[in-house]
Amino acid sequence: MRAVNSSSSGPVDGCRYPEGFTPGLLDPSCATPAFVAGPNGKAADRRFNVYRNNVTVSLMNALADIFPATLRITGEAFFRAMARFHVRETPPTSRLLFEYGRDFPNFIARYEYAQSLPWLADVARIERAWLDSYHAADAAALSPAEIVAVPPDRLGDLVFEAHPATRILRSDYPAVTIFSVNRASDPVGRIETTAAESALVTRPGLDVEVRRLAPGVDRFLGGIIAGETLESAAAAAGEGCPEFDLTAAIRTMLEAGAVAAIRQGG
């Protein structure tokens, strides 16, 4: 397949060529561009359709690689049908395939045939956060000794710098539990919990870790990452969650490698 003089190209079945070449690659209702021809000037419909199918399939495969738990939950046929609709609606904007699929969780949330799985979009959001954490910049996690060295009367004024790989996600559903059991290879049994869950995604070493946060810790760490002082973040978490445990929250933050540095606020 080759391109010939494109100066006379124009709308083809509602698809503009060459300015809008991408929609023609993803939408099978678009005719083969007039400026694309086969050997010896022959029509290139079959060749273009093969190329178009390869592009679509490669993007669907990328989504399957990025969202393996979502794939396992829905099954191959359902996932690929859903992915195909997403690919046609949302073409890639980066040459890097791992960047593709950022809008997929939001697509799932409004996808008609996924409405019976209201937590599925949140599972996909955790998967996307997992990949972003994996590709985040390297940085050393904060050492507990650096906090111990701070005078007790100055602890409340501490401001923390989040580790580049840290992500926090909140769900109205047990999305962390569902994510965890479906990312593993073991058989998935019945999940009894229906409680809302929040995830902390970090990469303290070489491996990404996803933790289910205790009550109030999501609010605390969200405040910490937003630049609130330790005292302010702890107060807000305690107000919203009477069972919030500050000592356990700080231990979780340090063990997970969620922060990289501290400074005195104010």
Protein backbone atom coordinates (compact mmCIF):
# COMPACT_ATOMS: atom_id res chain seq x y z
CA MET A 1 0.00 0.00 0.00
CA ARG A 2 1.36 3.44 -0.90
CA ALA A 3 0.22 7.06 -0.78
CA VAL A 4 -0.08 9.03 -4.01
CA ASN A 5 -0.74 12.70 -4.64
CA SER A 6 -2.87 13.91 -1.73
CA SER A 7 -3.42 17.49 -2.90
CA SER A 8 -6.83 16.63 -4.31
CA SER A 9 -8.00 14.61 -1.31
CA GLY A 10 -11.18 15.65 0.45
CA PRO A 11 -14.00 14.25 2.55
CA VAL A 12 -14.58 10.53 2.18
CA ASP A 13 -17.71 9.15 3.87
CA GLY A 14 -17.57 11.94 6.42
CA CYS A 15 -13.88 11.36 7.16
CA ARG A 16 -11.45 14.07 6.14
CA TYR A 17 -8.19 12.96 4.54
CA PRO A 18 -5.33 13.47 5.10
CA GLU A 19 -6.02 15.90 7.97
CA GLY A 20 -8.22 13.35 9.69
CA PHE A 21 -6.36 10.21 8.69
CA THR A 22 -6.63 8.69 12.17
CA PRO A 23 -10.44 8.41 12.23
CA GLY A 24 -10.27 6.51 8.96
CA LEU A 25 -7.91 4.01 10.54
CA LEU A 26 -10.21 3.36 13.49
CA ASP A 27 -13.67 3.69 11.94
CA PRO A 28 -14.61 0.89 9.49
CA SER A 29 -17.42 3.07 8.12
CA CYS A 30 -14.81 5.34 6.54
CA ALA A 31 -13.92 4.47 2.96
CA THR A 32 -10.36 3.86 1.87
CA PRO A 33 -8.72 7.25 1.24
CA ALA A 34 -8.60 8.16 -2.44
CA PHE A 35 -4.91 8.99 -2.18
CA VAL A 36 -4.02 5.45 -1.04
CA ALA A 37 -3.36 2.99 -3.85
CA GLY A 38 -1.98 -0.49 -4.25
CA PRO A 39 0.74 -1.70 -6.65
CA ASN A 40 0.38 -0.35 -10.18
CA GLY A 41 -2.36 2.03 -9.06
CA LYS A 42 -4.80 -0.72 -8.14
CA ALA A 43 -7.45 -0.17 -5.48
CA ALA A 44 -6.15 -0.71 -1.97
CA ASP A 45 -9.37 -1.43 -0.05
CA ARG A 46 -8.28 -4.86 1.15
CA ARG A 47 -4.79 -3.69 2.11
CA PHE A 48 -6.13 -0.63 3.92
CA ASN A 49 -8.69 -2.73 5.81
CA VAL A 50 -5.95 -5.13 6.92
CA TYR A 51 -3.85 -2.20 8.11
CA ARG A 52 -6.85 -0.64 9.85
CA ASN A 53 -7.62 -3.94 11.59
CA ASN A 54 -3.99 -4.28 12.71
CA VAL A 55 -4.06 -0.80 14.26
CA THR A 56 -7.30 -1.53 16.11
CA VAL A 57 -6.13 -4.93 17.34
CA SER A 58 -2.79 -3.55 18.55
CA LEU A 59 -4.59 -0.92 20.64
CA MET A 60 -7.02 -3.51 22.00
CA ASN A 61 -4.07 -5.70 22.95
CA ALA A 62 -2.44 -2.75 24.69
CA LEU A 63 -5.57 -2.27 26.78
CA ALA A 64 -5.61 -5.96 27.66
CA ASP A 65 -1.99 -5.71 28.84
CA ILE A 66 -2.69 -2.59 30.91
CA PHE A 67 -5.92 -3.85 32.49
CA PRO A 68 -5.44 -7.60 33.16
CA ALA A 69 -7.73 -7.67 36.22
CA THR A 70 -10.48 -5.95 34.27
CA LEU A 71 -9.99 -8.51 31.50
CA ARG A 72 -10.18 -11.40 33.94
CA ILE A 73 -13.37 -10.05 35.52
CA THR A 74 -15.24 -9.48 32.27
CA GLY A 75 -13.85 -12.33 30.18
CA GLU A 76 -12.09 -12.11 26.84
CA ALA A 77 -15.11 -11.58 24.57
CA PHE A 78 -16.72 -8.86 26.69
CA PHE A 79 -13.43 -7.05 27.23
CA ARG A 80 -12.46 -7.01 23.57
CA ALA A 81 -15.89 -5.77 22.51
CA MET A 82 -15.67 -2.99 25.10
CA ALA A 83 -12.10 -2.19 24.11
CA ARG A 84 -13.01 -1.98 20.43
CA PHE A 85 -15.67 0.65 21.14
CA HIS A 86 -13.16 2.61 23.21
CA VAL A 87 -10.50 2.45 20.51
CA ARG A 88 -12.89 3.82 17.91
CA GLU A 89 -13.94 6.62 20.24
CA THR A 90 -10.52 7.54 21.67
CA PRO A 91 -7.48 7.38 19.37
CA PRO A 92 -4.02 7.43 20.96
CA THR A 93 -2.26 10.74 21.50
CA SER A 94 1.18 9.29 22.30
CA ARG A 95 3.56 7.05 20.39
CA LEU A 96 4.09 5.05 23.60
CA LEU A 97 1.52 2.29 23.92
CA PHE A 98 1.75 2.22 27.72
CA GLU A 99 0.39 5.78 27.70
CA TYR A 100 -2.78 4.59 26.00
CA GLY A 101 -5.93 3.86 27.98
CA ARG A 102 -5.97 6.76 30.43
CA ASP A 103 -9.61 7.40 29.51
CA PHE A 104 -10.58 3.73 29.56
CA PRO A 105 -11.82 3.68 33.20
CA ASN A 106 -14.13 6.64 32.51
CA PHE A 107 -15.32 4.89 29.37
CA ILE A 108 -16.11 1.78 31.40
CA ALA A 109 -18.10 3.88 33.89
CA ARG A 110 -20.50 4.95 31.14
CA TYR A 111 -20.36 1.82 28.99
CA GLU A 112 -23.93 0.54 28.77
CA TYR A 113 -23.13 -3.15 29.14
CA ALA A 114 -20.88 -2.65 32.19
CA GLN A 115 -23.53 -0.97 34.35
CA SER A 116 -24.18 -4.22 36.22
CA LEU A 117 -20.56 -4.03 37.46
CA PRO A 118 -20.52 -0.54 39.05
CA TRP A 119 -17.12 -1.14 40.67
CA LEU A 120 -15.38 -2.17 37.42
CA ALA A 121 -14.31 1.36 36.49
CA ASP A 122 -12.63 1.80 39.89
CA VAL A 123 -10.75 -1.48 39.47
CA ALA A 124 -9.53 -0.17 36.11
CA ARG A 125 -8.48 3.11 37.76
CA ILE A 126 -6.33 1.18 40.22
CA GLU A 127 -4.77 -0.74 37.31
CA ARG A 128 -3.98 2.51 35.49
CA ALA A 129 -2.47 3.93 38.68
CA TRP A 130 -0.39 0.75 39.05
CA LEU A 131 1.14 1.29 35.61
CA ASP A 132 1.73 5.01 36.19
CA SER A 133 3.44 4.18 39.48
CA TYR A 134 5.61 1.61 37.71
CA HIS A 135 6.79 4.21 35.18
CA ALA A 136 7.15 7.09 37.65
CA ALA A 137 10.53 8.70 38.32
CA ASP A 138 12.86 7.02 40.77
CA ALA A 139 13.38 8.59 44.18
CA ALA A 140 14.54 7.44 47.59
CA ALA A 141 11.74 6.97 50.10
CA LEU A 142 11.85 8.98 53.32
CA SER A 143 13.69 7.22 56.11
CA PRO A 144 11.92 6.94 59.50
CA ALA A 145 15.13 8.26 61.06
CA GLU A 146 14.54 11.61 59.37
CA ILE A 147 11.26 12.03 61.27
CA VAL A 148 12.73 10.77 64.53
CA ALA A 149 15.37 13.49 64.27
CA VAL A 150 12.72 16.24 64.27
CA PRO A 151 12.09 17.82 67.71
CA PRO A 152 8.67 16.72 69.06
CA ASP A 153 7.39 20.29 69.22
CA ARG A 154 8.07 20.71 65.48
CA LEU A 155 6.43 17.51 64.23
CA GLY A 156 3.03 19.10 63.66
CA ASP A 157 4.54 21.64 61.25
CA LEU A 158 6.15 19.05 58.99
CA VAL A 159 5.26 19.17 55.30
CA PHE A 160 5.98 16.09 53.21
CA GLU A 161 6.97 15.69 49.57
CA ALA A 162 5.18 12.79 47.91
CA HIS A 163 7.21 10.09 46.23
CA PRO A 164 6.73 10.37 42.42
CA ALA A 165 5.19 6.88 42.32
CA THR A 166 2.54 7.54 44.98
CA ARG A 167 -1.13 7.42 44.01
CA ILE A 168 -4.28 7.39 46.19
CA LEU A 169 -7.65 6.24 44.89
CA ARG A 170 -10.99 6.15 46.66
CA SER A 171 -13.90 3.92 45.72
CA ASP A 172 -17.46 3.52 46.96
CA TYR A 173 -16.98 -0.20 46.39
CA PRO A 174 -14.52 -2.90 47.55
CA ALA A 175 -12.42 -2.14 44.48
CA VAL A 176 -9.06 -2.83 46.16
CA THR A 177 -10.13 -6.32 47.20
CA ILE A 178 -11.57 -7.04 43.76
CA PHE A 179 -8.41 -5.73 42.10
CA SER A 180 -6.12 -7.79 44.32
CA VAL A 181 -7.83 -11.14 43.83
CA ASN A 182 -8.12 -10.66 40.08
CA ARG A 183 -4.49 -9.64 39.56
CA ALA A 184 -3.40 -12.91 41.16
CA SER A 185 -3.49 -16.26 39.38
CA ASP A 186 -5.40 -18.09 42.12
CA PRO A 187 -9.08 -18.93 41.66
CA VAL A 188 -11.39 -16.11 42.71
CA GLY A 189 -13.91 -17.00 45.37
CA ARG A 190 -16.93 -15.08 46.54
CA ILE A 191 -16.12 -11.59 47.84
CA GLU A 192 -18.28 -10.96 50.88
CA THR A 193 -17.42 -7.34 51.66
CA THR A 194 -19.38 -4.49 50.15
CA ALA A 195 -17.63 -1.68 52.03
CA ALA A 196 -15.99 1.27 50.33
CA GLU A 197 -12.21 0.96 50.02
CA SER A 198 -9.29 3.24 49.28
CA ALA A 199 -6.01 2.22 47.67
CA LEU A 200 -2.49 3.45 48.22
CA VAL A 201 -0.29 2.69 45.21
CA THR A 202 3.45 3.05 45.72
CA ARG A 203 6.77 1.75 44.49
CA PRO A 204 9.10 1.70 47.49
CA GLY A 205 11.59 -0.54 45.67
CA LEU A 206 11.46 -2.17 42.28
CA ASP A 207 7.92 -3.52 42.65
CA VAL A 208 4.64 -1.63 42.71
CA GLU A 209 2.55 -2.25 45.83
CA VAL A 210 -1.18 -1.67 46.28
CA ARG A 211 -2.44 -1.40 49.86
CA ARG A 212 -5.96 -1.17 51.18
CA LEU A 213 -6.00 1.77 53.58
CA ALA A 214 -7.51 1.75 57.05
CA PRO A 215 -10.37 4.19 57.77
CA GLY A 216 -9.28 7.82 57.68
CA VAL A 217 -5.83 7.09 56.31
CA ASP A 218 -6.89 8.00 52.77
CA ARG A 219 -7.94 11.46 53.98
CA PHE A 220 -4.73 11.83 55.97
CA LEU A 221 -2.44 10.81 53.11
CA GLY A 222 -4.47 12.85 50.64
CA GLY A 223 -3.85 15.91 52.78
CA ILE A 224 -0.16 15.07 53.17
CA ILE A 225 0.28 14.72 49.41
CA ALA A 226 -1.63 17.97 48.85
CA GLY A 227 0.93 19.82 51.00
CA GLU A 228 -0.93 20.09 54.30
CA THR A 229 1.07 20.00 57.49
CA LEU A 230 1.11 16.82 59.54
CA GLU A 231 -1.07 18.45 62.19
CA SER A 232 -3.63 19.74 59.69
CA ALA A 233 -3.90 16.45 57.77
CA ALA A 234 -4.25 14.47 60.99
CA ALA A 235 -6.93 16.79 62.36
CA ALA A 236 -9.00 16.55 59.18
CA ALA A 237 -8.71 12.77 59.13
CA GLY A 238 -9.74 12.53 62.78
CA GLU A 239 -12.75 14.76 62.27
CA GLY A 240 -14.02 12.66 59.40
CA CYS A 241 -13.20 9.30 60.98
CA PRO A 242 -13.32 8.86 64.78
CA GLU A 243 -11.38 5.58 64.58
CA PHE A 244 -8.47 7.19 62.70
CA ASP A 245 -5.13 6.07 64.16
CA LEU A 246 -2.37 8.62 63.50
CA THR A 247 0.48 6.37 64.61
CA ALA A 248 -0.67 3.56 62.32
CA ALA A 249 -1.18 6.04 59.46
CA ILE A 250 2.38 7.36 59.73
CA ARG A 251 3.70 3.79 59.89
CA THR A 252 1.75 2.91 56.73
CA MET A 253 3.06 6.02 54.97
CA LEU A 254 6.68 5.18 55.78
CA GLU A 255 6.48 1.42 55.18
CA ALA A 256 4.86 2.03 51.78
CA GLY A 257 7.47 4.61 50.78
CA ALA A 258 4.72 7.12 50.01
CA VAL A 259 6.83 10.20 50.75
CA ALA A 260 10.32 11.20 49.74
CA ALA A 261 11.26 14.27 51.80
CA ILE A 262 10.18 16.58 54.61
CA ARG A 263 10.51 20.26 55.42
CA GLN A 264 9.20 22.59 58.07
CA GLY A 265 6.00 24.35 57.11
CA GLY A 266 4.89 27.81 58.06
